[in-house]
Amino acid sequence: MRPTDRLRPAAAWWRAVLVTCLALAWPALAQDPAAPVPRIGVATMQPGDVFFERFGHNAIVVDAPDAPGPVSYNFGYFDPAEPGFIGRFLRGDMRYQLMALPLFEDLAYYRDVGRGVTIQWLDLDPEQALRLADALAENARPENAHYRYDYFTDNCSTRVRDALDGALDGLLRRQLQGRSRGNTYRGDAVRLASPAPWMWLGFDIGLGPASDRPNALWDDAFVPMRLADALRSVRRADGRPLVRGETTVIAHRQQAEPPERARRLWPWLLAGLAIGGALLAAGTRAPRVVAAAALPFWSLCALLGLVMLLLWWATAHHFAWQNHNLLLFNPLCLLLLRGGWRIARGRDAGPLFRWTLVTVLLAGVAALFLHWLPVLPQRNAAWLSLLMPVHVALYWALRRPAAPASLRS
C-alpha cells in the first residue's frame, strides 16, 4: 500500500468536517455584519368619511439608513379595473396586494383629507428588523404581492400583524391569543360603520352567528386601531415594551372614531310594540288597511331574505352563512304578497296565504329559541325585539278568511 492511500480516509474525514462547519456558519457569514439596521414602525391611519375608509388603515414603515427615505409597505391596494372585479367582489373572492412605496407618497392622501396618522416605532433586535425588511421586500415582488382578501381574517391589518409576528418568532400571538376584551366582529363592524346608517344596517342584518363569538386580542387586530392598542401592551422576553415610541405624523381633522357603547334594546322593543299595537288596533276594523301596509314590509323581508340566502349558498362570505335573521326577514314573505293584495282589495286571501302567515310566525318563534340557545347564539336581540311584535300582530289581524260580501255591514 502506498503512503498516500493511508492518507485518503483522513483527508476525506477532514473535508466532511470542514463542509459541516461551513454549513452551520453560513447564515452568519452570509449576513453582512456591517449591514445598516432599519428602523421599523407601524403607521395607523384614522377612519375617514368615505364608506370604505370607516375602518381605518395601517402599514409597516421600514426606515433604512442607506435608503433615500422611509418605505411604506401597504397591504391595502386593489385594482377595480381588474377583469371580473365586481363578480369576484360579490362572490367574496377579492384580490388585494402589497405595495411598497415612499412613505411621503403613501401619506399624501391622508394629509390632504385630514385623516390622522401615527407611527409606533418598534424595539426590534437588529436580526429581527433585517429579517422583517427582507421578508417585506420579497413579499412586495409582483409575483408574491397578491393575496385573497377576507374582511375579518385576512385583511390589510391582519397582514401587518402576521408580518410582525413572523419577525418576532410568534411573540404577538403568544401574548394576544389568550386575552380578550369581549369584542366581536359584528360589534366592531357595526360600531365603525355607524356614521353611515345603510352600512351598519347591512352589517347587522347580513352577518351570521360566526361574527358574534368573543374575539381574542389577536382577532381584534383586524381593526387597525385595535392592533395599535394591542401593540402598546406587548412586552419583549426581557420585559421591555415592544413599542419604543409613538409619533403623530398627521393630525386628525375628520370625525373621531365612533366610541364603544352597549346597544340598548328598549328603544327597539318599544318601537316593535308600538307598530304591533297599531296594527292590532287597525286589524279589528280595517284589515284592508293593515294588508296594504304589510305589502312593503313583506316585500322588504323577502328581498333581504333572498339576499341572505344568496350570500349563504353562492358566495365565500362565510361570516354571512347560517344567518338567523333569515327567520325574521323570511323569504317566504314573497308568498304573502298576492294574498295581501287580495285582502287590500276586499277579497279573500286563500288558504296558501294563511298557511304561509302561520309559517312566517313560527319561523320567528324559532329565531327566539335559537337566540336563547347557548350554542353559537347570534346577537340579533334588537331585530327580534323590533320584528316579532310586527309578525305577531300581522298574523292576528289577517289570520281569518274575509267575510262573504253578503254578510258585510
Protein backbone atom coordinates (compact mmCIF):
# COMPACT_ATOMS: atom_id res chain seq x y z
CA MET A 1 0.00 0.00 0.00
CA ARG A 2 1.29 3.40 -0.91
CA PRO A 3 1.61 6.05 1.88
CA THR A 4 -0.87 8.27 0.07
CA ASP A 5 -3.52 5.55 0.27
CA ARG A 6 -3.45 5.72 4.08
CA LEU A 7 -3.93 9.49 3.96
CA ARG A 8 -7.08 9.44 1.80
CA PRO A 9 -9.59 8.41 4.56
CA ALA A 10 -8.20 11.07 6.90
CA ALA A 11 -8.40 13.74 4.20
CA ALA A 12 -11.99 12.77 3.41
CA TRP A 13 -12.89 12.98 7.12
CA TRP A 14 -11.42 16.49 7.42
CA ARG A 15 -13.24 17.63 4.27
CA ALA A 16 -16.55 16.42 5.76
CA VAL A 17 -15.86 18.30 9.00
CA LEU A 18 -15.00 21.47 7.08
CA VAL A 19 -18.17 21.26 4.96
CA THR A 20 -20.34 20.75 8.06
CA CYS A 21 -18.78 23.73 9.85
CA LEU A 22 -19.26 25.94 6.82
CA ALA A 23 -22.89 24.87 6.52
CA LEU A 24 -23.57 25.71 10.16
CA ALA A 25 -21.75 29.03 9.95
CA TRP A 26 -23.12 30.08 6.56
CA PRO A 27 -26.14 32.14 7.84
CA ALA A 28 -23.80 34.24 9.97
CA LEU A 29 -21.21 34.53 7.20
CA ALA A 30 -23.81 35.39 4.58
CA GLN A 31 -25.17 38.28 6.64
CA ASP A 32 -23.11 41.38 6.24
CA PRO A 33 -22.11 42.42 9.78
CA ALA A 34 -21.94 45.99 8.57
CA ALA A 35 -25.43 45.94 7.03
CA PRO A 36 -27.37 49.00 8.20
CA VAL A 37 -30.22 48.10 10.53
CA PRO A 38 -33.57 49.64 9.53
CA ARG A 39 -35.95 51.27 11.94
CA ILE A 40 -39.37 49.54 11.89
CA GLY A 41 -42.66 51.26 12.61
CA VAL A 42 -46.41 50.65 12.27
CA ALA A 43 -48.36 53.52 10.74
CA THR A 44 -52.02 53.68 11.80
CA MET A 45 -54.42 55.81 9.77
CA GLN A 46 -57.64 57.01 11.44
CA PRO A 47 -61.10 56.40 9.89
CA GLY A 48 -62.29 58.65 7.08
CA ASP A 49 -65.63 59.95 5.86
CA VAL A 50 -65.90 57.75 2.75
CA PHE A 51 -67.66 54.44 3.44
CA PHE A 52 -64.66 52.24 2.58
CA GLU A 53 -62.48 54.36 4.92
CA ARG A 54 -64.65 53.82 8.00
CA PHE A 55 -62.40 51.15 9.47
CA GLY A 56 -59.07 52.93 9.32
CA HIS A 57 -55.91 51.56 7.79
CA ASN A 58 -52.29 50.73 8.60
CA ALA A 59 -48.93 49.87 7.04
CA ILE A 60 -45.42 48.83 8.06
CA VAL A 61 -42.73 51.51 7.76
CA VAL A 62 -39.15 50.49 7.04
CA ASP A 63 -36.69 53.32 7.55
CA ALA A 64 -33.25 52.10 6.40
CA PRO A 65 -30.27 54.41 6.98
CA ASP A 66 -28.91 53.74 3.49
CA ALA A 67 -32.26 54.38 1.71
CA PRO A 68 -33.41 57.74 0.30
CA GLY A 69 -36.31 57.76 2.75
CA PRO A 70 -38.74 55.56 4.70
CA VAL A 71 -40.70 52.98 2.72
CA SER A 72 -44.34 52.15 3.44
CA TYR A 73 -45.39 48.53 2.95
CA ASN A 74 -49.14 48.78 2.42
CA PHE A 75 -51.33 45.66 2.12
CA GLY A 76 -54.46 47.61 1.19
CA TYR A 77 -54.24 48.02 -2.58
CA PHE A 78 -56.66 46.55 -5.12
CA ASP A 79 -57.35 47.17 -8.78
CA PRO A 80 -61.02 47.93 -9.62
CA ALA A 81 -60.10 47.72 -13.33
CA GLU A 82 -59.07 44.08 -12.90
CA PRO A 83 -61.12 41.76 -15.16
CA GLY A 84 -64.05 40.30 -13.23
CA PHE A 85 -63.51 42.61 -10.25
CA ILE A 86 -67.23 43.14 -9.49
CA GLY A 87 -68.07 39.46 -9.81
CA ARG A 88 -65.19 38.44 -7.57
CA PHE A 89 -66.20 41.05 -5.01
CA LEU A 90 -69.79 39.75 -4.92
CA ARG A 91 -68.60 36.15 -4.59
CA GLY A 92 -66.22 37.03 -1.75
CA ASP A 93 -63.11 36.37 -3.81
CA MET A 94 -61.37 39.74 -3.59
CA ARG A 95 -57.71 40.09 -4.59
CA TYR A 96 -55.64 42.62 -2.68
CA GLN A 97 -51.91 43.22 -2.90
CA LEU A 98 -48.93 44.55 -1.03
CA MET A 99 -47.39 47.72 -2.40
CA ALA A 100 -44.04 49.24 -1.40
CA LEU A 101 -43.83 52.98 -1.95
CA PRO A 102 -42.16 56.01 -0.36
CA LEU A 103 -43.82 56.92 2.91
CA PHE A 104 -44.35 60.57 1.93
CA GLU A 105 -46.18 59.39 -1.19
CA ASP A 106 -48.37 56.93 0.73
CA LEU A 107 -49.32 59.60 3.28
CA ALA A 108 -50.09 62.35 0.77
CA TYR A 109 -53.78 61.45 0.51
CA TYR A 110 -54.23 61.28 4.29
CA ARG A 111 -52.61 64.68 4.66
CA ASP A 112 -54.90 66.17 2.01
CA VAL A 113 -58.15 64.87 3.55
CA GLY A 114 -57.13 65.30 7.19
CA ARG A 115 -57.05 61.67 8.32
CA GLY A 116 -54.74 61.38 11.31
CA VAL A 117 -51.65 59.16 11.12
CA THR A 118 -49.43 57.97 13.95
CA ILE A 119 -46.33 55.77 13.75
CA GLN A 120 -45.39 53.35 16.51
CA TRP A 121 -41.65 52.72 16.36
CA LEU A 122 -40.85 49.19 17.47
CA ASP A 123 -37.97 47.97 19.62
CA LEU A 124 -36.74 45.10 17.46
CA ASP A 125 -33.41 43.32 17.61
CA PRO A 126 -31.17 44.02 14.58
CA GLU A 127 -31.66 40.49 13.25
CA GLN A 128 -35.45 40.79 13.59
CA ALA A 129 -35.55 44.17 11.87
CA LEU A 130 -33.42 42.94 8.96
CA ARG A 131 -35.46 39.75 8.64
CA LEU A 132 -38.72 41.69 8.55
CA ALA A 133 -37.40 44.18 5.99
CA ASP A 134 -36.16 41.35 3.76
CA ALA A 135 -39.44 39.45 4.08
CA LEU A 136 -41.49 42.53 3.16
CA ALA A 137 -39.30 43.29 0.15
CA GLU A 138 -39.72 39.71 -1.06
CA ASN A 139 -43.48 39.78 -0.40
CA ALA A 140 -43.81 43.01 -2.41
CA ARG A 141 -42.39 41.44 -5.56
CA PRO A 142 -45.10 41.32 -8.28
CA GLU A 143 -45.26 37.53 -8.27
CA ASN A 144 -45.77 37.43 -4.48
CA ALA A 145 -47.78 40.58 -3.78
CA HIS A 146 -51.37 39.36 -4.29
CA TYR A 147 -53.46 37.63 -1.66
CA ARG A 148 -57.08 36.62 -1.21
CA TYR A 149 -58.74 39.23 0.95
CA ASP A 150 -61.12 38.39 3.78
CA TYR A 151 -62.69 41.32 5.59
CA PHE A 152 -62.25 39.87 9.10
CA THR A 153 -59.49 37.26 8.98
CA ASP A 154 -57.12 38.26 6.17
CA ASN A 155 -57.11 42.00 5.52
CA CYS A 156 -54.57 44.81 5.41
CA SER A 157 -54.34 44.95 9.21
CA THR A 158 -54.08 41.21 9.90
CA ARG A 159 -51.30 41.06 7.28
CA VAL A 160 -49.38 43.71 9.23
CA ARG A 161 -49.96 41.72 12.42
CA ASP A 162 -48.80 38.46 10.83
CA ALA A 163 -45.67 40.01 9.32
CA LEU A 164 -44.65 41.42 12.71
CA ASP A 165 -45.43 38.14 14.43
CA GLY A 166 -43.24 36.25 11.98
CA ALA A 167 -40.29 38.54 12.65
CA LEU A 168 -40.84 38.20 16.41
CA ASP A 169 -40.98 34.38 16.31
CA GLY A 170 -44.63 34.26 17.40
CA LEU A 171 -44.38 36.73 20.28
CA LEU A 172 -47.55 38.63 19.29
CA ARG A 173 -49.71 35.52 19.00
CA ARG A 174 -48.47 34.14 22.32
CA GLN A 175 -49.33 37.34 24.17
CA LEU A 176 -52.56 38.27 22.37
CA GLN A 177 -54.26 34.94 21.68
CA GLY A 178 -55.16 34.20 25.30
CA ARG A 179 -56.56 37.65 26.15
CA SER A 180 -59.94 39.12 25.26
CA ARG A 181 -61.99 42.25 25.87
CA GLY A 182 -65.19 40.56 24.69
CA ASN A 183 -65.24 42.35 21.34
CA THR A 184 -66.82 40.66 18.34
CA TYR A 185 -66.50 41.05 14.59
CA ARG A 186 -70.11 42.27 14.44
CA GLY A 187 -69.62 44.72 17.29
CA ASP A 188 -66.63 46.43 15.74
CA ALA A 189 -68.09 46.37 12.22
CA VAL A 190 -71.38 47.94 13.32
CA ARG A 191 -69.64 50.47 15.58
CA LEU A 192 -67.21 51.71 12.94
CA ALA A 193 -69.89 51.79 10.23
CA SER A 194 -72.37 53.63 12.45
CA PRO A 195 -71.90 57.07 10.80
CA ALA A 196 -73.41 55.54 7.62
CA PRO A 197 -76.85 54.09 8.53
CA TRP A 198 -77.17 51.94 5.40
CA MET A 199 -73.75 50.47 6.09
CA TRP A 200 -74.20 49.47 9.71
CA LEU A 201 -77.68 48.13 8.97
CA GLY A 202 -76.19 45.97 6.23
CA PHE A 203 -73.57 44.56 8.58
CA ASP A 204 -76.01 44.00 11.42
CA ILE A 205 -78.65 42.28 9.30
CA GLY A 206 -76.28 40.41 7.00
CA LEU A 207 -73.76 38.91 9.44
CA GLY A 208 -74.40 35.45 10.85
CA PRO A 209 -73.57 33.85 14.21
CA ALA A 210 -69.89 33.31 13.35
CA SER A 211 -69.38 37.05 13.77
CA ASP A 212 -70.64 37.00 17.37
CA ARG A 213 -68.09 34.87 19.20
CA PRO A 214 -65.88 36.88 21.58
CA ASN A 215 -62.55 37.60 19.93
CA ALA A 216 -59.09 37.34 21.40
CA LEU A 217 -56.95 40.46 21.08
CA TRP A 218 -55.23 38.62 18.24
CA ASP A 219 -58.51 38.56 16.26
CA ASP A 220 -59.37 42.14 17.25
CA ALA A 221 -56.36 43.18 15.18
CA PHE A 222 -58.48 43.11 12.01
CA VAL A 223 -59.19 46.72 13.04
CA PRO A 224 -56.01 48.83 12.68
CA MET A 225 -56.77 50.90 15.78
CA ARG A 226 -57.24 47.70 17.81
CA LEU A 227 -53.86 46.43 16.59
CA ALA A 228 -52.23 49.70 17.64
CA ASP A 229 -53.75 49.31 21.13
CA ALA A 230 -52.56 45.70 21.35
CA LEU A 231 -49.00 46.59 20.35
CA ARG A 232 -48.80 49.03 23.27
CA SER A 233 -49.39 46.11 25.67
CA VAL A 234 -46.83 43.68 24.20
CA ARG A 235 -43.63 43.07 26.15
CA ARG A 236 -40.38 41.54 24.98
CA ALA A 237 -38.90 38.50 26.75
CA ASP A 238 -36.80 40.77 28.98
CA GLY A 239 -39.83 42.86 29.94
CA ARG A 240 -39.18 45.93 27.81
CA PRO A 241 -42.14 47.24 25.77
CA LEU A 242 -42.31 46.41 22.08
CA VAL A 243 -43.32 49.98 21.21
CA ARG A 244 -40.34 52.23 21.78
CA GLY A 245 -42.19 55.45 21.00
CA GLU A 246 -45.07 56.98 19.03
CA THR A 247 -45.06 59.90 16.64
CA THR A 248 -48.06 61.80 15.33
CA VAL A 249 -47.29 62.39 11.67
CA ILE A 250 -50.63 63.94 10.62
CA ALA A 251 -53.22 65.47 12.94
CA HIS A 252 -56.73 64.07 12.63
CA ARG A 253 -59.19 66.67 11.33
CA GLN A 254 -62.14 64.44 10.46
CA GLN A 255 -64.85 62.95 12.65
CA ALA A 256 -63.43 60.90 15.52
CA GLU A 257 -63.67 57.12 15.65
CA PRO A 258 -67.13 56.12 16.98
CA PRO A 259 -66.92 55.28 20.69
CA GLU A 260 -67.80 51.91 22.16
CA ARG A 261 -71.22 51.73 23.75
CA ALA A 262 -73.63 48.98 24.71
CA ARG A 263 -76.68 48.58 22.50
CA ARG A 264 -79.90 49.42 24.31
CA LEU A 265 -82.76 47.08 23.45
CA TRP A 266 -85.66 49.01 24.92
CA PRO A 267 -85.98 51.51 22.01
CA TRP A 268 -86.22 48.59 19.58
CA LEU A 269 -88.78 46.81 21.74
CA LEU A 270 -90.87 49.95 22.25
CA ALA A 271 -90.88 50.58 18.51
CA GLY A 272 -91.90 46.99 17.80
CA LEU A 273 -94.69 47.08 20.39
CA ALA A 274 -95.95 50.45 19.10
CA ILE A 275 -96.09 49.21 15.49
CA GLY A 276 -97.62 45.91 16.52
CA GLY A 277 -100.23 47.63 18.71
CA ALA A 278 -101.21 49.96 15.89
CA LEU A 279 -101.60 47.02 13.50
CA LEU A 280 -103.75 45.11 16.01
CA ALA A 281 -105.98 48.14 16.61
CA ALA A 282 -106.45 48.69 12.89
CA GLY A 283 -106.93 45.00 12.17
CA THR A 284 -110.21 44.72 14.04
CA ARG A 285 -111.83 47.48 11.96
CA ALA A 286 -109.77 47.90 8.80
CA PRO A 287 -107.95 44.70 7.78
CA ARG A 288 -107.67 46.05 4.24
CA VAL A 289 -105.55 48.94 5.53
CA VAL A 290 -103.37 46.51 7.53
CA ALA A 291 -102.84 44.33 4.46
CA ALA A 292 -101.91 47.34 2.34
CA ALA A 293 -99.43 48.48 4.99
CA ALA A 294 -97.96 44.97 5.20
CA LEU A 295 -97.19 44.71 1.48
CA PRO A 296 -94.00 46.86 1.52
CA PHE A 297 -92.91 45.19 4.78
CA TRP A 298 -93.27 41.71 3.31
CA SER A 299 -91.54 42.82 0.12
CA LEU A 300 -88.56 44.11 2.11
CA CYS A 301 -88.42 40.92 4.19
CA ALA A 302 -88.49 38.73 1.08
CA LEU A 303 -85.80 40.79 -0.66
CA LEU A 304 -83.43 40.79 2.33
CA GLY A 305 -84.07 37.12 2.97
CA LEU A 306 -83.24 36.19 -0.62
CA VAL A 307 -80.01 38.21 -0.39
CA MET A 308 -79.07 36.36 2.82
CA LEU A 309 -79.77 33.02 1.14
CA LEU A 310 -77.62 34.04 -1.81
CA LEU A 311 -74.75 35.03 0.48
CA TRP A 312 -75.01 31.66 2.23
CA TRP A 313 -75.37 29.36 -0.77
CA ALA A 314 -73.49 31.14 -3.55
CA THR A 315 -70.61 33.14 -2.05
CA ALA A 316 -67.49 32.76 0.08
CA HIS A 317 -68.70 35.38 2.58
CA HIS A 318 -68.71 32.73 5.31
CA PHE A 319 -69.43 35.19 8.11
CA ALA A 320 -72.85 35.69 6.46
CA TRP A 321 -73.68 31.98 6.45
CA GLN A 322 -76.38 30.39 8.65
CA ASN A 323 -77.82 33.81 9.41
CA HIS A 324 -80.62 33.56 11.99
CA ASN A 325 -82.12 36.77 10.64
CA LEU A 326 -83.41 34.64 7.76
CA LEU A 327 -86.16 33.56 10.16
CA LEU A 328 -87.19 37.20 10.71
CA PHE A 329 -86.63 38.57 7.20
CA ASN A 330 -88.22 35.45 5.77
CA PRO A 331 -88.05 34.81 2.00
CA LEU A 332 -91.44 33.09 2.33
CA CYS A 333 -92.94 36.55 2.74
CA LEU A 334 -92.85 36.60 -1.06
CA LEU A 335 -95.81 34.18 -0.97
CA LEU A 336 -97.81 36.63 1.17
CA LEU A 337 -97.84 39.40 -1.41
CA ARG A 338 -100.61 38.01 -3.63
CA GLY A 339 -102.88 37.23 -0.69
CA GLY A 340 -102.16 40.59 0.93
CA TRP A 341 -103.05 42.35 -2.29
CA ARG A 342 -106.36 40.42 -2.43
CA ILE A 343 -107.20 41.43 1.15
CA ALA A 344 -106.37 45.07 0.38
CA ARG A 345 -108.91 44.85 -2.46
CA GLY A 346 -111.56 43.35 -0.21
CA ARG A 347 -111.21 39.74 -1.33
CA ASP A 348 -110.35 36.53 0.47
CA ALA A 349 -106.61 35.76 0.52
CA GLY A 350 -106.96 31.98 0.24
CA PRO A 351 -105.55 29.07 2.27
CA LEU A 352 -101.96 29.42 0.96
CA PHE A 353 -101.78 32.91 2.42
CA ARG A 354 -102.97 31.77 5.83
CA TRP A 355 -100.63 28.78 5.97
CA THR A 356 -97.72 30.97 4.93
CA LEU A 357 -98.66 33.53 7.59
CA VAL A 358 -98.52 30.79 10.24
CA THR A 359 -95.16 29.54 8.89
CA VAL A 360 -93.61 33.02 8.99
CA LEU A 361 -94.75 33.47 12.59
CA LEU A 362 -93.39 30.06 13.64
CA ALA A 363 -90.08 30.88 11.97
CA GLY A 364 -89.86 33.98 14.16
CA VAL A 365 -90.53 31.83 17.23
CA ALA A 366 -87.71 29.54 16.10
CA ALA A 367 -85.42 32.59 15.88
CA LEU A 368 -86.27 33.40 19.51
CA PHE A 369 -85.47 29.82 20.51
CA LEU A 370 -82.11 29.91 18.70
CA HIS A 371 -81.24 33.17 20.42
CA TRP A 372 -81.70 31.54 23.81
CA LEU A 373 -79.56 28.52 22.95
CA PRO A 374 -76.03 28.71 24.39
CA VAL A 375 -74.51 27.07 21.28
CA LEU A 376 -73.35 29.71 18.78
CA PRO A 377 -76.05 32.30 19.55
CA GLN A 378 -76.48 35.27 17.26
CA ARG A 379 -76.66 38.74 18.73
CA ASN A 380 -79.87 39.76 17.00
CA ALA A 381 -81.95 40.60 20.05
CA ALA A 382 -82.62 44.08 18.67
CA TRP A 383 -84.17 42.69 15.48
CA LEU A 384 -86.16 40.13 17.47
CA SER A 385 -87.49 42.93 19.68
CA LEU A 386 -88.49 45.03 16.69
CA LEU A 387 -89.90 42.43 14.31
CA MET A 388 -91.54 39.75 16.44
CA PRO A 389 -94.36 42.09 17.65
CA VAL A 390 -94.96 43.03 14.00
CA HIS A 391 -95.15 39.41 12.82
CA VAL A 392 -97.49 38.51 15.70
CA ALA A 393 -99.76 41.49 15.01
CA LEU A 394 -99.98 40.76 11.28
CA TYR A 395 -100.84 37.15 11.96
CA TRP A 396 -103.54 38.10 14.44
CA ALA A 397 -105.05 40.80 12.24
CA LEU A 398 -105.09 38.82 8.98
CA ARG A 399 -105.45 35.20 10.05
CA ARG A 400 -109.22 34.90 9.42
CA PRO A 401 -110.80 34.49 5.98
CA ALA A 402 -112.61 37.55 4.68
CA ALA A 403 -116.32 37.59 5.38
CA PRO A 404 -118.62 36.99 2.35
CA ALA A 405 -119.86 40.17 0.72
CA SER A 406 -123.47 39.40 1.71
CA LEU A 407 -122.52 39.40 5.42
CA ARG A 408 -120.67 42.70 5.40
CA SER A 409 -122.44 45.63 7.00
